C-alpha atoms as a PDB file:
ATOM      1  CA  MET A   1     -13.089  43.209 182.121  1.00  0.00           C
ATOM      2  CA  GLN A   2     -12.314  42.265 178.531  1.00  0.00           C
ATOM      3  CA  PRO A   3     -15.088  42.965 176.014  1.00  0.00           C
ATOM      4  CA  ARG A   4     -16.476  39.629 174.806  1.00  0.00           C
ATOM      5  CA  VAL A   5     -17.154  39.512 171.073  1.00  0.00           C
ATOM      6  CA  LEU A   6     -18.732  36.836 168.879  1.00  0.00           C
ATOM      7  CA  VAL A   7     -17.210  36.653 165.376  1.00  0.00           C
ATOM      8  CA  ALA A   8     -19.484  34.803 162.914  1.00  0.00           C
ATOM      9  CA  ASP A   9     -18.062  34.207 159.424  1.00  0.00           C
ATOM     10  CA  ASP A  10     -18.096  31.194 157.115  1.00  0.00           C
ATOM     11  CA  GLU A  11     -14.487  31.735 155.988  1.00  0.00           C
ATOM     12  CA  PRO A  12     -12.003  30.092 158.416  1.00  0.00           C
ATOM     13  CA  GLY A  13      -9.242  32.454 157.325  1.00  0.00           C
ATOM     14  CA  VAL A  14     -11.339  35.516 158.125  1.00  0.00           C
ATOM     15  CA  ARG A  15     -12.314  34.077 161.512  1.00  0.00           C
ATOM     16  CA  ARG A  16      -8.689  33.356 162.397  1.00  0.00           C
ATOM     17  CA  ALA A  17      -7.481  36.771 161.255  1.00  0.00           C
ATOM     18  CA  LEU A  18     -10.178  38.614 163.189  1.00  0.00           C
ATOM     19  CA  GLU A  19      -9.619  36.497 166.255  1.00  0.00           C
ATOM     20  CA  ARG A  20      -5.882  37.205 166.240  1.00  0.00           C
ATOM     21  CA  GLY A  21      -6.359  40.910 165.654  1.00  0.00           C
ATOM     22  CA  LEU A  22      -9.099  41.419 168.234  1.00  0.00           C
ATOM     23  CA  VAL A  23      -7.383  39.310 170.894  1.00  0.00           C
ATOM     24  CA  ALA A  24      -4.316  41.537 170.388  1.00  0.00           C
ATOM     25  CA  GLU A  25      -6.624  44.490 171.120  1.00  0.00           C
ATOM     26  CA  GLY A  26      -7.565  42.981 174.474  1.00  0.00           C
ATOM     27  CA  MET A  27     -10.866  41.323 173.556  1.00  0.00           C
ATOM     28  CA  ASP A  28     -12.215  37.882 174.422  1.00  0.00           C
ATOM     29  CA  ILE A  29     -13.257  36.245 171.143  1.00  0.00           C
ATOM     30  CA  VAL A  30     -15.589  33.339 170.360  1.00  0.00           C
ATOM     31  CA  THR A  31     -16.074  32.285 166.729  1.00  0.00           C
ATOM     32  CA  ALA A  32     -18.902  30.657 164.752  1.00  0.00           C
ATOM     33  CA  GLY A  33     -18.922  29.369 161.179  1.00  0.00           C
ATOM     34  CA  THR A  34     -22.637  28.876 160.495  1.00  0.00           C
ATOM     35  CA  GLY A  35     -25.855  30.815 160.980  1.00  0.00           C
ATOM     36  CA  PRO A  36     -27.426  28.354 163.444  1.00  0.00           C
ATOM     37  CA  GLN A  37     -24.242  28.253 165.524  1.00  0.00           C
ATOM     38  CA  ALA A  38     -24.064  32.054 165.583  1.00  0.00           C
ATOM     39  CA  LEU A  39     -27.716  32.282 166.630  1.00  0.00           C
ATOM     40  CA  ARG A  40     -27.279  29.688 169.373  1.00  0.00           C
ATOM     41  CA  LEU A  41     -24.306  31.506 170.864  1.00  0.00           C
ATOM     42  CA  ALA A  42     -25.709  35.018 170.473  1.00  0.00           C
ATOM     43  CA  GLN A  43     -28.995  33.974 172.089  1.00  0.00           C
ATOM     44  CA  THR A  44     -27.178  33.443 175.390  1.00  0.00           C
ATOM     45  CA  GLY A  45     -26.797  37.216 175.633  1.00  0.00           C
ATOM     46  CA  SER A  46     -23.302  36.729 177.071  1.00  0.00           C
ATOM     47  CA  PHE A  47     -21.518  38.862 174.460  1.00  0.00           C
ATOM     48  CA  ASP A  48     -20.811  42.570 174.406  1.00  0.00           C
ATOM     49  CA  ALA A  49     -20.968  42.710 170.598  1.00  0.00           C
ATOM     50  CA  VAL A  50     -21.376  40.472 167.537  1.00  0.00           C
ATOM     51  CA  LEU A  51     -19.563  40.711 164.185  1.00  0.00           C
ATOM     52  CA  LEU A  52     -22.009  38.966 161.882  1.00  0.00           C
ATOM     53  CA  ASP A  53     -21.329  37.983 158.279  1.00  0.00           C
ATOM     54  CA  ILE A  54     -24.464  38.155 156.130  1.00  0.00           C
ATOM     55  CA  MET A  55     -23.668  35.150 153.915  1.00  0.00           C
ATOM     56  CA  LEU A  56     -23.634  32.399 156.541  1.00  0.00           C
ATOM     57  CA  PRO A  57     -24.560  28.787 155.722  1.00  0.00           C
ATOM     58  CA  GLY A  58     -27.719  27.390 157.289  1.00  0.00           C
ATOM     59  CA  LEU A  59     -29.162  30.764 158.250  1.00  0.00           C
ATOM     60  CA  SER A  60     -28.240  34.143 156.810  1.00  0.00           C
ATOM     61  CA  GLY A  61     -26.886  36.938 158.963  1.00  0.00           C
ATOM     62  CA  TYR A  62     -30.057  38.893 158.233  1.00  0.00           C
ATOM     63  CA  ARG A  63     -32.199  36.091 159.685  1.00  0.00           C
ATOM     64  CA  VAL A  64     -29.895  35.639 162.681  1.00  0.00           C
ATOM     65  CA  LEU A  65     -30.187  39.345 163.443  1.00  0.00           C
ATOM     66  CA  GLN A  66     -33.942  39.306 162.903  1.00  0.00           C
ATOM     67  CA  GLN A  67     -34.417  36.409 165.343  1.00  0.00           C
ATOM     68  CA  LEU A  68     -32.159  37.995 167.949  1.00  0.00           C
ATOM     69  CA  ARG A  69     -34.097  41.258 167.916  1.00  0.00           C
ATOM     70  CA  ALA A  70     -37.438  39.419 167.928  1.00  0.00           C
ATOM     71  CA  ALA A  71     -36.285  37.592 171.069  1.00  0.00           C
ATOM     72  CA  GLY A  72     -35.403  40.864 172.763  1.00  0.00           C
ATOM     73  CA  ILE A  73     -31.631  40.399 172.538  1.00  0.00           C
ATOM     74  CA  VAL A  74     -30.134  43.905 172.376  1.00  0.00           C
ATOM     75  CA  THR A  75     -26.478  42.932 171.980  1.00  0.00           C
ATOM     76  CA  PRO A  76     -24.868  45.322 169.453  1.00  0.00           C
ATOM     77  CA  VAL A  77     -24.448  43.702 166.024  1.00  0.00           C
ATOM     78  CA  ILE A  78     -22.155  44.853 163.229  1.00  0.00           C
ATOM     79  CA  LEU A  79     -22.993  43.237 159.891  1.00  0.00           C
ATOM     80  CA  VAL A  80     -20.082  42.265 157.642  1.00  0.00           C
ATOM     81  CA  SER A  81     -20.789  41.715 153.957  1.00  0.00           C
ATOM     82  CA  ALA A  82     -19.374  41.814 150.442  1.00  0.00           C
ATOM     83  CA  LYS A  83     -22.608  43.584 149.449  1.00  0.00           C
ATOM     84  CA  ASP A  84     -21.945  47.320 149.301  1.00  0.00           C
ATOM     85  CA  GLY A  85     -25.282  48.566 147.968  1.00  0.00           C
ATOM     86  CA  GLU A  86     -27.240  51.222 149.813  1.00  0.00           C
ATOM     87  CA  VAL A  87     -30.320  48.975 149.903  1.00  0.00           C
ATOM     88  CA  ASP A  88     -28.346  46.123 151.499  1.00  0.00           C
ATOM     89  CA  GLN A  89     -26.987  48.419 154.186  1.00  0.00           C
ATOM     90  CA  ALA A  90     -30.387  49.982 154.788  1.00  0.00           C
ATOM     91  CA  ASP A  91     -31.992  46.546 155.119  1.00  0.00           C
ATOM     92  CA  GLY A  92     -29.447  45.528 157.724  1.00  0.00           C
ATOM     93  CA  LEU A  93     -29.860  48.712 159.736  1.00  0.00           C
ATOM     94  CA  ASP A  94     -33.642  48.437 159.545  1.00  0.00           C
ATOM     95  CA  LEU A  95     -33.428  44.945 161.043  1.00  0.00           C
ATOM     96  CA  GLY A  96     -31.594  46.366 164.044  1.00  0.00           C
ATOM     97  CA  ALA A  97     -27.899  46.297 163.109  1.00  0.00           C
ATOM     98  CA  ASP A  98     -25.676  48.816 164.877  1.00  0.00           C
ATOM     99  CA  GLY A  99     -23.129  49.024 162.071  1.00  0.00           C
ATOM    100  CA  TYR A 100     -22.246  47.727 158.609  1.00  0.00           C
ATOM    101  CA  VAL A 101     -18.767  46.921 157.250  1.00  0.00           C
ATOM    102  CA  VAL A 102     -18.126  46.038 153.603  1.00  0.00           C
ATOM    103  CA  LYS A 103     -15.633  43.336 152.552  1.00  0.00           C
ATOM    104  CA  PRO A 104     -12.771  43.654 151.879  1.00  0.00           C
ATOM    105  CA  PHE A 105     -12.515  45.884 154.909  1.00  0.00           C
ATOM    106  CA  SER A 106      -9.774  47.699 156.761  1.00  0.00           C
ATOM    107  CA  PHE A 107      -9.185  46.111 160.143  1.00  0.00           C
ATOM    108  CA  LEU A 108      -8.695  49.573 161.629  1.00  0.00           C
ATOM    109  CA  VAL A 109     -12.098  50.711 160.341  1.00  0.00           C
ATOM    110  CA  LEU A 110     -13.802  47.586 161.676  1.00  0.00           C
ATOM    111  CA  LEU A 111     -12.037  48.008 165.016  1.00  0.00           C
ATOM    112  CA  ALA A 112     -13.166  51.624 165.226  1.00  0.00           C
ATOM    113  CA  GLN A 113     -16.798  50.648 164.577  1.00  0.00           C
ATOM    114  CA  LEU A 114     -16.562  47.858 167.132  1.00  0.00           C
ATOM    115  CA  ARG A 115     -15.125  50.140 169.789  1.00  0.00           C
ATOM    116  CA  ALA A 116     -17.823  52.698 169.035  1.00  0.00           C
ATOM    117  CA  VAL A 117     -20.698  50.249 169.584  1.00  0.00           C
ATOM    118  CA  LEU A 118     -19.016  48.920 172.725  1.00  0.00           C
ATOM    119  CA  ARG A 119     -18.796  52.459 174.107  1.00  0.00           C
ATOM    120  CA  ARG A 120     -22.463  53.084 173.321  1.00  0.00           C
ATOM    121  CA  ALA A 121     -23.612  49.825 174.805  1.00  0.00           C
ATOM    122  CA  GLY A 122     -21.542  50.029 177.963  1.00  0.00           C
ATOM    123  CA  THR A 123     -20.055  46.921 179.558  1.00  0.00           C
ATOM    124  CA  ARG A 124     -21.328  43.643 180.946  1.00  0.00           C
ATOM    125  CA  ALA A 125     -21.443  45.313 184.335  1.00  0.00           C
ATOM    126  CA  GLU A 126     -24.778  46.756 183.177  1.00  0.00           C
ATOM    127  CA  GLU A 127     -26.166  43.325 182.383  1.00  0.00           C
ATOM    128  CA  THR A 128     -29.220  42.559 184.506  1.00  0.00           C
ATOM    129  CA  VAL A 129     -30.544  39.210 183.307  1.00  0.00           C
ATOM    130  CA  ILE A 130     -28.663  36.294 181.779  1.00  0.00           C
ATOM    131  CA  THR A 131     -30.617  33.336 180.396  1.00  0.00           C
ATOM    132  CA  VAL A 132     -29.216  30.051 179.118  1.00  0.00           C
ATOM    133  CA  SER A 133     -31.856  27.523 178.149  1.00  0.00           C
ATOM    134  CA  ASP A 134     -34.531  27.917 180.867  1.00  0.00           C
ATOM    135  CA  LEU A 135     -32.014  28.942 183.520  1.00  0.00           C
ATOM    136  CA  ARG A 136     -32.378  32.612 184.450  1.00  0.00           C
ATOM    137  CA  LEU A 137     -29.957  34.652 186.556  1.00  0.00           C
ATOM    138  CA  ASP A 138     -30.886  38.201 187.586  1.00  0.00           C
ATOM    139  CA  THR A 139     -27.778  40.102 188.667  1.00  0.00           C
ATOM    140  CA  ALA A 140     -29.843  42.938 190.162  1.00  0.00           C
ATOM    141  CA  THR A 141     -31.812  40.731 192.570  1.00  0.00           C
ATOM    142  CA  ARG A 142     -29.306  37.807 192.626  1.00  0.00           C
ATOM    143  CA  ARG A 143     -32.229  35.497 191.910  1.00  0.00           C
ATOM    144  CA  VAL A 144     -31.600  32.271 190.001  1.00  0.00           C
ATOM    145  CA  SER A 145     -34.501  30.259 188.607  1.00  0.00           C
ATOM    146  CA  TRP A 146     -35.169  27.317 186.314  1.00  0.00           C
ATOM    147  CA  GLN A 147     -38.545  27.348 184.555  1.00  0.00           C
ATOM    148  CA  ASP A 148     -39.733  29.837 187.227  1.00  0.00           C
ATOM    149  CA  ARG A 149     -38.572  27.580 190.072  1.00  0.00           C
ATOM    150  CA  ASP A 150     -36.111  29.335 192.378  1.00  0.00           C
ATOM    151  CA  VAL A 151     -32.681  27.763 192.788  1.00  0.00           C
ATOM    152  CA  ALA A 152     -31.220  28.540 196.221  1.00  0.00           C
ATOM    153  CA  LEU A 153     -27.466  29.093 195.913  1.00  0.00           C
ATOM    154  CA  SER A 154     -24.813  30.123 198.384  1.00  0.00           C
ATOM    155  CA  PRO A 155     -22.988  33.390 197.589  1.00  0.00           C
ATOM    156  CA  ARG A 156     -19.975  31.471 196.255  1.00  0.00           C
ATOM    157  CA  GLU A 157     -22.093  29.127 194.137  1.00  0.00           C
ATOM    158  CA  TYR A 158     -23.877  32.168 192.715  1.00  0.00           C
ATOM    159  CA  GLU A 159     -20.560  33.782 191.740  1.00  0.00           C
ATOM    160  CA  VAL A 160     -19.373  30.590 190.037  1.00  0.00           C
ATOM    161  CA  LEU A 161     -22.610  30.344 188.051  1.00  0.00           C
ATOM    162  CA  THR A 162     -22.437  34.030 187.083  1.00  0.00           C
ATOM    163  CA  VAL A 163     -18.957  33.610 185.604  1.00  0.00           C
ATOM    164  CA  LEU A 164     -20.014  30.502 183.666  1.00  0.00           C
ATOM    165  CA  LEU A 165     -23.215  32.072 182.281  1.00  0.00           C
ATOM    166  CA  ARG A 166     -21.511  35.317 181.289  1.00  0.00           C
ATOM    167  CA  ARG A 167     -19.153  33.207 179.192  1.00  0.00           C
ATOM    168  CA  ALA A 168     -21.807  30.800 177.934  1.00  0.00           C
ATOM    169  CA  GLY A 169     -20.660  28.859 174.896  1.00  0.00           C
ATOM    170  CA  SER A 170     -16.986  29.050 175.917  1.00  0.00           C
ATOM    171  CA  VAL A 171     -14.981  26.743 178.148  1.00  0.00           C
ATOM    172  CA  VAL A 172     -13.936  28.360 181.434  1.00  0.00           C
ATOM    173  CA  THR A 173     -10.842  26.802 182.991  1.00  0.00           C
ATOM    174  CA  LYS A 174     -10.474  26.063 186.691  1.00  0.00           C
ATOM    175  CA  GLY A 175      -7.748  28.685 186.862  1.00  0.00           C
ATOM    176  CA  GLU A 176     -10.043  31.333 185.366  1.00  0.00           C
ATOM    177  CA  LEU A 177     -12.833  30.463 187.813  1.00  0.00           C
ATOM    178  CA  LEU A 178     -10.348  30.568 190.663  1.00  0.00           C
ATOM    179  CA  GLN A 179      -9.171  34.030 189.644  1.00  0.00           C
ATOM    180  CA  GLU A 180     -12.616  35.529 188.950  1.00  0.00           C
ATOM    181  CA  VAL A 181     -14.433  34.088 191.995  1.00  0.00           C
ATOM    182  CA  TRP A 182     -11.702  33.873 194.648  1.00  0.00           C
ATOM    183  CA  GLY A 183      -9.311  36.527 193.355  1.00  0.00           C
ATOM    184  CA  ASP A 184      -5.692  36.360 194.436  1.00  0.00           C
ATOM    185  CA  SER A 185      -6.269  34.266 197.554  1.00  0.00           C
ATOM    186  CA  GLU A 186      -3.296  31.949 198.027  1.00  0.00           C
ATOM    187  CA  THR A 187      -5.224  29.711 200.414  1.00  0.00           C
ATOM    188  CA  VAL A 188      -7.627  28.436 197.745  1.00  0.00           C
ATOM    189  CA  THR A 189      -6.688  25.587 195.393  1.00  0.00           C
ATOM    190  CA  ARG A 190      -8.229  24.328 192.181  1.00  0.00           C
ATOM    191  CA  ASN A 191      -9.768  21.469 194.189  1.00  0.00           C
ATOM    192  CA  VAL A 192     -12.010  24.062 195.830  1.00  0.00           C
ATOM    193  CA  VAL A 193     -13.265  25.033 192.361  1.00  0.00           C
ATOM    194  CA  GLU A 194     -14.203  21.390 191.702  1.00  0.00           C
ATOM    195  CA  VAL A 195     -16.022  21.213 195.036  1.00  0.00           C
ATOM    196  CA  TYR A 196     -18.125  24.322 194.389  1.00  0.00           C
ATOM    197  CA  VAL A 197     -18.920  23.359 190.814  1.00  0.00           C
ATOM    198  CA  GLY A 198     -20.064  20.022 192.230  1.00  0.00           C
ATOM    199  CA  TYR A 199     -22.312  21.778 194.757  1.00  0.00           C
ATOM    200  CA  LEU A 200     -23.707  23.972 191.977  1.00  0.00           C
ATOM    201  CA  ARG A 201     -24.404  21.075 189.621  1.00  0.00           C
ATOM    202  CA  ARG A 202     -26.226  19.096 192.302  1.00  0.00           C
ATOM    203  CA  LYS A 203     -28.530  22.041 192.978  1.00  0.00           C
ATOM    204  CA  LEU A 204     -29.163  22.498 189.258  1.00  0.00           C
ATOM    205  CA  GLN A 205     -29.824  18.775 188.873  1.00  0.00           C
ATOM    206  CA  ALA A 206     -32.410  18.940 191.651  1.00  0.00           C
ATOM    207  CA  VAL A 207     -34.564  21.266 189.499  1.00  0.00           C
ATOM    208  CA  GLY A 208     -33.903  19.509 186.169  1.00  0.00           C
ATOM    209  CA  ALA A 209     -31.165  21.832 184.895  1.00  0.00           C
ATOM    210  CA  GLN A 210     -28.356  19.297 185.044  1.00  0.00           C
ATOM    211  CA  ASP A 211     -27.373  19.777 181.382  1.00  0.00           C
ATOM    212  CA  VAL A 212     -26.700  23.516 181.591  1.00  0.00           C
ATOM    213  CA  VAL A 213     -23.260  23.276 183.223  1.00  0.00           C
ATOM    214  CA  ARG A 214     -21.010  20.556 181.853  1.00  0.00           C
ATOM    215  CA  THR A 215     -17.448  19.395 182.448  1.00  0.00           C
ATOM    216  CA  VAL A 216     -15.132  19.478 179.446  1.00  0.00           C
ATOM    217  CA  ARG A 217     -12.594  16.887 180.530  1.00  0.00           C
ATOM    218  CA  GLY A 218      -9.059  18.209 180.677  1.00  0.00           C
ATOM    219  CA  HIS A 219     -10.127  21.782 179.959  1.00  0.00           C
ATOM    220  CA  GLY A 220     -12.726  23.149 182.386  1.00  0.00           C
ATOM    221  CA  TYR A 221     -16.447  23.868 182.443  1.00  0.00           C
ATOM    222  CA  LEU A 222     -18.999  24.931 179.847  1.00  0.00           C
ATOM    223  CA  ALA A 223     -22.392  26.582 180.296  1.00  0.00           C
ATOM    224  CA  ASP A 224     -24.774  25.957 177.423  1.00  0.00           C
ATOM    225  CA  GLY A 225     -28.300  24.762 176.719  1.00  0.00           C
ATOM    226  CA  PRO A 226     -29.181  21.065 176.440  1.00  0.00           C
ATOM    227  CA  ASP A 227     -27.686  19.770 173.179  1.00  0.00           C
ATOM    228  CA  GLY A 228     -26.317  23.268 172.609  1.00  0.00           C
ATOM    229  CA  ALA A 229     -29.735  24.840 172.125  1.00  0.00           C
ATOM    230  CA  PRO A 230     -30.523  27.676 174.557  1.00  0.00           C
ATOM    231  CA  ALA A 231     -34.179  28.601 174.749  1.00  0.00           C
ATOM    232  CA  GLY A 232     -33.814  32.172 175.865  1.00  0.00           C
ATOM    233  CA  GLY A 233     -31.739  35.298 175.731  1.00  0.00           C
ATOM    234  CA  SER A 234     -30.397  38.041 177.904  1.00  0.00           C
ATOM    235  CA  ARG A 235     -31.328  41.638 178.427  1.00  0.00           C
ATOM    236  CA  ARG A 236     -29.099  44.506 179.432  1.00  0.00           C
ATOM    237  CA  THR A 237     -30.094  47.711 181.118  1.00  0.00           C
ATOM    238  CA  PRO A 238     -30.278  50.765 178.864  1.00  0.00           C
ATOM    239  CA  THR A 239     -27.015  52.674 178.570  1.00  0.00           C
ATOM    240  CA  ALA A 240     -26.955  56.065 180.205  1.00  0.00           C
ATOM    241  CA  PRO A 241     -26.794  59.013 177.790  1.00  0.00           C
ATOM    242  CA  GLY A 242     -23.301  60.090 176.911  1.00  0.00           C
ATOM    243  CA  ARG A 243     -21.670  56.747 177.675  1.00  0.00           C
END
């Protein structure tokens, strides 16, 4: 599975360059240009790592990191900054950063740091709980709940929801859902995806979670909090020593 990385930087050129470079390295990239947007996306806990610029509009990278750690989000974060002072780096690491890269940086150095934190953190296969808004999915027990009310899903509906929540904040196409949930089966069409997403949305609507999974017309489906504001986070199991 491709590592999923959030790139948060206020410079469009930097975002585009990092996205191109990291996609070429086999990573799935989502970008953010402001502090609040970065916080909203990172709070879903659906990323394997975050590249976080310190000087973000609306909310600094320091504050984004501070709020993530306060909420129990353990996603690895590498801070990116033009500030190269020892105090600045120490402050970032004290807040819970896993790395610090100074601008202008070498892409190879940044990539090496990113790969290092991904190795230490493991993969999304170790993820145990995913939370978007008040919707909670526990991959260990396969329990899904909304505000502590259980949501009874069929095995296929559960798999569809898992794919959407793991990629919260990004549009998932019908073709991607078809591949990840049904594999290479030639007997399943994209209409089946629509049917199961419909089943899933009706069950979510029954408990008041109708806004979590939305259709993006002409593109696919998007899992996110109401009005793009998730209320929770996600926790991963600790990584085994030596991984």
